[in-house]
């Protein structure tokens, strides 16, 4: 079994991880590319790790979010008994009602993979207008709100209707952060949220299930985080994806764990934050 699908999650989630397969000496090595005004107490709790300079949230209508952030991660992966490391940086900036997000992943033997998302911050959260994914070749997706369509611009151009709340594989992390920071209290355990997710070459629907606050260990220290699980996308989907969104860090991802049986796993852990 390979992990070709082990994450078009942004780098998901699917904060999106991406899996690249390098075949060498007849073995398959899995290399990862990661590739969501808050008045609730959840964003103002006393940090459980030595964090500093956590900024105030920016308010736009009923929404709240950080204006700028850089999240650095270490990645621990395992496939076919082979363990490998990787690293990733996720960046976010928002000005007025515009946002930009980027992801860069350092892949051993392969090089870097990058993703970029930009768009507006509307009444219901993020509204991506452009998503780019680059690793050896470029993929670009345009989300045309006025025309109500999603357009994939590659060797075989295609389109799809634009559904409400559509996110891309990178924006979904910051969309979840914005939604959670804008609530007066956390969603109850068991509550679900389904979002259309634009990938580099397709459209998927992800359902997230909230599982409550937990303590999560990271290189940054112990953090209180909301555990969120992405449910199976189909009856044949064997991949499990779990997110821990740090309440002390505006519900940005502290950990992303992806597993797909037979010991295959990718564990993305937050090691540094800059505001």
Protein backbone atom coordinates (compact mmCIF):
# COMPACT_ATOMS: atom_id res chain seq x y z
CA UNK A 1 0.00 0.00 0.00
CA UNK A 2 1.26 3.49 -0.82
CA UNK A 3 0.22 6.79 0.73
CA UNK A 4 -0.37 8.69 -2.49
CA UNK A 5 -3.54 10.12 -0.96
CA UNK A 6 -2.16 10.46 2.57
CA UNK A 7 -2.66 14.03 2.38
CA UNK A 8 -3.81 16.40 -0.05
CA UNK A 9 -4.51 17.99 3.25
CA UNK A 10 -2.47 20.96 3.56
CA UNK A 11 -1.42 20.90 3.87
CA UNK A 12 -5.58 19.42 6.73
CA UNK A 13 -5.72 19.44 7.30
CA UNK A 14 -6.97 18.05 4.00
CA UNK A 15 -3.16 23.62 8.10
CA UNK A 16 -3.45 20.61 4.27
CA UNK A 17 -0.72 17.99 4.10
CA UNK A 18 0.58 16.62 0.87
CA UNK A 19 2.36 13.33 0.30
CA UNK A 20 4.96 12.85 -2.39
CA UNK A 21 6.19 9.40 -3.29
CA UNK A 22 9.86 8.87 -4.12
CA UNK A 23 10.64 5.48 -5.59
CA UNK A 24 14.22 4.38 -5.09
CA UNK A 25 15.79 0.91 -5.24
CA UNK A 26 12.29 -0.59 -5.65
CA UNK A 27 11.16 0.83 -2.31
CA UNK A 28 8.55 3.50 -1.72
CA UNK A 29 9.46 6.38 0.53
CA UNK A 30 6.73 8.73 1.67
CA UNK A 31 7.74 12.37 1.94
CA UNK A 32 5.37 14.87 3.41
CA UNK A 33 4.35 18.34 2.48
CA UNK A 34 1.77 19.77 4.67
CA UNK A 35 1.07 21.35 2.96
CA UNK A 36 -8.94 27.62 11.03
CA UNK A 37 -13.95 40.29 17.79
CA UNK A 38 -13.27 36.88 19.77
CA UNK A 39 -15.17 37.46 22.97
CA UNK A 40 -14.87 33.91 24.24
CA UNK A 41 -12.58 32.92 27.09
CA UNK A 42 -11.15 30.19 24.89
CA UNK A 43 -8.75 32.59 23.16
CA UNK A 44 -7.70 34.34 26.32
CA UNK A 45 -6.78 31.49 28.64
CA UNK A 46 -3.44 31.54 30.46
CA UNK A 47 -0.91 29.84 28.18
CA UNK A 48 0.15 26.35 29.29
CA UNK A 49 3.55 26.78 27.59
CA UNK A 50 6.04 29.68 27.70
CA UNK A 51 4.45 31.76 24.95
CA UNK A 52 5.08 35.46 24.55
CA UNK A 53 3.75 38.38 22.54
CA UNK A 54 0.49 36.66 21.65
CA UNK A 55 -1.34 39.46 19.83
CA UNK A 56 -4.82 40.78 20.32
CA UNK A 57 -7.38 39.53 17.84
CA UNK A 58 -8.51 41.72 14.99
CA UNK A 59 -12.29 42.17 14.69
CA UNK A 60 -14.23 42.46 11.45
CA UNK A 61 -17.99 42.47 11.94
CA UNK A 62 -18.79 39.36 13.99
CA UNK A 63 -15.49 37.68 13.10
CA UNK A 64 -12.17 37.66 14.95
CA UNK A 65 -8.71 36.53 13.84
CA UNK A 66 -5.01 37.30 14.22
CA UNK A 67 -3.61 39.80 11.74
CA UNK A 68 -0.33 37.99 11.22
CA UNK A 69 1.26 34.66 12.16
CA UNK A 70 4.11 32.34 11.20
CA UNK A 71 3.87 28.75 12.41
CA UNK A 72 6.92 26.49 12.19
CA UNK A 73 6.53 22.71 12.42
CA UNK A 74 8.62 19.60 12.60
CA UNK A 75 7.24 16.57 10.80
CA UNK A 76 7.81 12.96 11.81
CA UNK A 77 6.73 10.36 9.27
CA UNK A 78 6.85 6.62 8.89
CA UNK A 79 6.12 4.36 5.92
CA UNK A 80 7.06 0.74 5.21
CA UNK A 81 9.11 0.77 8.41
CA UNK A 82 11.14 3.76 7.20
CA UNK A 83 11.13 6.86 9.42
CA UNK A 84 11.83 10.27 7.95
CA UNK A 85 11.86 13.91 9.12
CA UNK A 86 10.63 17.04 7.37
CA UNK A 87 9.83 20.63 8.30
CA UNK A 88 7.20 23.16 7.34
CA UNK A 89 6.30 26.82 7.80
CA UNK A 90 2.80 28.23 7.49
CA UNK A 91 2.27 32.00 7.17
CA UNK A 92 -0.87 34.12 7.46
CA UNK A 93 -1.54 37.84 7.11
CA UNK A 94 -4.79 39.80 7.02
CA UNK A 95 -5.39 43.47 6.24
CA UNK A 96 -8.85 45.00 6.22
CA UNK A 97 -10.95 42.24 4.64
CA UNK A 98 -8.17 40.65 2.56
CA UNK A 99 -6.00 37.69 3.53
CA UNK A 100 -2.94 35.86 2.23
CA UNK A 101 -1.67 32.48 3.38
CA UNK A 102 1.32 30.41 2.35
CA UNK A 103 2.88 27.07 3.15
CA UNK A 104 6.45 25.96 2.49
CA UNK A 105 7.60 22.43 3.20
CA UNK A 106 11.20 21.25 3.14
CA UNK A 107 11.36 17.74 1.70
CA UNK A 108 14.52 15.64 2.00
CA UNK A 109 15.96 14.71 -1.41
CA UNK A 110 13.08 16.45 -3.19
CA UNK A 111 13.31 20.13 -2.30
CA UNK A 112 10.53 22.52 -1.30
CA UNK A 113 6.81 22.42 -1.90
CA UNK A 114 4.77 25.60 -1.70
CA UNK A 115 1.09 26.43 -1.52
CA UNK A 116 -0.53 29.87 -1.61
CA UNK A 117 -4.07 31.00 -0.91
CA UNK A 118 -5.54 34.47 -1.08
CA UNK A 119 -8.97 36.01 -0.98
CA UNK A 120 -11.44 37.95 1.16
CA UNK A 121 -12.71 37.66 4.71
CA UNK A 122 -16.49 37.80 4.41
CA UNK A 123 -19.37 37.63 6.89
CA UNK A 124 -19.16 33.83 7.07
CA UNK A 125 -15.39 33.50 7.20
CA UNK A 126 -12.71 33.13 4.55
CA UNK A 127 -13.63 33.38 0.87
CA UNK A 128 -10.65 32.13 -1.17
CA UNK A 129 -10.28 33.51 -4.68
CA UNK A 130 -7.01 31.83 -5.71
CA UNK A 131 -5.17 28.66 -4.70
CA UNK A 132 -1.74 27.68 -6.04
CA UNK A 133 0.19 24.48 -5.45
CA UNK A 134 3.77 24.05 -6.67
CA UNK A 135 5.96 20.94 -6.56
CA UNK A 136 7.82 20.28 -9.78
CA UNK A 137 4.79 21.59 -11.67
CA UNK A 138 2.31 24.36 -10.99
CA UNK A 139 -1.39 23.96 -10.28
CA UNK A 140 -3.67 26.99 -10.05
CA UNK A 141 -7.32 27.13 -9.07
CA UNK A 142 -9.52 30.23 -9.35
CA UNK A 143 -12.66 30.56 -7.26
CA UNK A 144 -14.94 32.96 -9.10
CA UNK A 145 -17.56 34.21 -6.66
CA UNK A 146 -19.38 36.44 -9.15
CA UNK A 147 -19.69 33.67 -11.73
CA UNK A 148 -20.26 31.02 -9.06
CA UNK A 149 -17.63 28.66 -10.47
CA UNK A 150 -14.33 27.00 -9.56
CA UNK A 151 -11.84 26.77 -12.43
CA UNK A 152 -8.81 24.45 -12.48
CA UNK A 153 -6.18 25.77 -14.89
CA UNK A 154 -3.87 22.92 -15.88
CA UNK A 155 -3.25 20.71 -18.90
CA UNK A 156 -6.91 19.64 -18.78
CA UNK A 157 -8.92 22.68 -17.63
CA UNK A 158 -12.15 21.92 -15.78
CA UNK A 159 -14.74 23.71 -13.68
CA UNK A 160 -17.29 23.07 -10.94
CA UNK A 161 -20.04 25.09 -9.24
CA UNK A 162 -18.81 27.17 -6.31
CA UNK A 163 -20.63 26.10 -3.15
CA UNK A 164 -21.11 28.22 -0.03
CA UNK A 165 -18.26 28.06 2.52
CA UNK A 166 -15.85 26.53 -0.02
CA UNK A 167 -12.24 26.51 1.21
CA UNK A 168 -9.00 25.33 -0.30
CA UNK A 169 -6.51 22.86 1.19
CA UNK A 170 -4.59 25.70 2.88
CA UNK A 171 -7.26 28.27 3.75
CA UNK A 172 -9.27 25.67 5.68
CA UNK A 173 -6.87 25.89 8.65
CA UNK A 174 -7.33 29.65 8.98
CA UNK A 175 -11.04 29.43 8.27
CA UNK A 176 -11.48 27.05 11.20
CA UNK A 177 -9.38 29.35 13.38
CA UNK A 178 -11.54 32.35 12.44
CA UNK A 179 -14.81 30.49 13.05
CA UNK A 180 -13.69 29.21 16.45
CA UNK A 181 -12.27 32.57 17.59
CA UNK A 182 -15.58 34.21 16.69
CA UNK A 183 -17.71 31.98 18.92
CA UNK A 184 -18.82 32.93 22.42
CA UNK A 185 -18.23 29.32 23.51
CA UNK A 186 -16.70 26.19 22.04
CA UNK A 187 -18.84 23.84 19.93
CA UNK A 188 -20.16 20.88 21.96
CA UNK A 189 -18.37 17.56 21.60
CA UNK A 190 -19.87 15.57 18.76
CA UNK A 191 -20.92 18.57 16.68
CA UNK A 192 -19.87 18.38 13.02
CA UNK A 193 -19.06 20.84 10.26
CA UNK A 194 -18.91 19.93 6.55
CA UNK A 195 -16.95 22.09 4.10
CA UNK A 196 -16.27 21.83 0.36
CA UNK A 197 -12.47 21.75 -0.09
CA UNK A 198 -10.67 22.72 -3.29
CA UNK A 199 -7.61 20.57 -4.01
CA UNK A 200 -5.02 21.10 -6.74
CA UNK A 201 -7.02 18.99 -9.20
CA UNK A 202 -10.34 18.17 -7.56
CA UNK A 203 -13.11 19.16 -5.15
CA UNK A 204 -13.77 17.16 -1.99
CA UNK A 205 -16.12 17.46 0.97
CA UNK A 206 -14.66 17.14 4.43
CA UNK A 207 -16.68 16.66 7.60
CA UNK A 208 -15.00 17.75 10.84
CA UNK A 209 -16.13 16.44 14.23
CA UNK A 210 -15.35 18.41 17.40
CA UNK A 211 -14.10 16.20 20.25
CA UNK A 212 -13.45 18.73 23.04
CA UNK A 213 -10.43 20.34 24.70
CA UNK A 214 -7.35 18.21 25.38
CA UNK A 215 -3.73 18.73 26.41
CA UNK A 216 -1.31 18.10 23.54
CA UNK A 217 2.48 17.73 23.74
CA UNK A 218 4.51 19.71 21.19
CA UNK A 219 8.13 20.91 20.91
CA UNK A 220 6.71 24.25 22.07
CA UNK A 221 5.39 22.66 25.27
CA UNK A 222 2.07 21.40 26.58
CA UNK A 223 -0.84 23.25 24.95
CA UNK A 224 -4.57 23.17 25.51
CA UNK A 225 -6.18 22.43 22.16
CA UNK A 226 -9.53 21.61 20.63
CA UNK A 227 -9.36 18.09 19.20
CA UNK A 228 -11.03 17.97 15.77
CA UNK A 229 -11.27 14.86 13.63
CA UNK A 230 -11.84 14.76 9.91
CA UNK A 231 -14.25 11.93 9.25
CA UNK A 232 -13.87 9.39 6.44
CA UNK A 233 -14.62 10.89 3.03
CA UNK A 234 -16.20 7.65 1.80
CA UNK A 235 -16.84 4.11 3.02
CA UNK A 236 -13.53 3.03 1.46
CA UNK A 237 -11.48 5.86 2.99
CA UNK A 238 -8.99 4.26 5.41
CA UNK A 239 -7.19 7.50 6.22
CA UNK A 240 -7.72 9.12 9.63
CA UNK A 241 -6.87 12.79 10.23
CA UNK A 242 -6.83 14.42 13.66
CA UNK A 243 -6.20 18.11 14.36
CA UNK A 244 -5.41 19.81 17.65
CA UNK A 245 -6.18 23.55 17.41
CA UNK A 246 -4.47 25.49 20.20
CA UNK A 247 -6.88 27.63 22.21
CA UNK A 248 -4.00 29.82 23.46
CA UNK A 249 -2.91 30.44 19.87
CA UNK A 250 -6.19 31.55 18.30
CA UNK A 251 -7.06 27.93 17.44
CA UNK A 252 -4.25 27.56 14.92
CA UNK A 253 -2.93 24.00 14.45
CA UNK A 254 -0.63 22.71 17.20
CA UNK A 255 -0.63 19.16 15.85
CA UNK A 256 -1.88 17.31 12.77
CA UNK A 257 -1.79 13.52 12.82
CA UNK A 258 -2.51 11.43 9.72
CA UNK A 259 -2.66 7.64 9.83
CA UNK A 260 -3.50 5.10 7.17
CA UNK A 261 -3.02 1.59 8.55
CA UNK A 262 -0.03 -0.75 8.46
CA UNK A 263 2.01 1.71 10.54
CA UNK A 264 1.78 4.50 7.96
CA UNK A 265 1.66 7.87 9.72
CA UNK A 266 2.53 11.55 9.47
CA UNK A 267 2.79 13.64 12.63
CA UNK A 268 3.11 17.44 12.29
CA UNK A 269 4.06 19.22 15.53
CA UNK A 270 4.27 22.94 16.26
CA UNK A 271 7.76 24.05 17.33
CA UNK A 272 7.68 27.87 17.05
CA UNK A 273 5.27 30.78 16.57
CA UNK A 274 5.96 34.33 15.47
CA UNK A 275 3.33 37.08 15.38
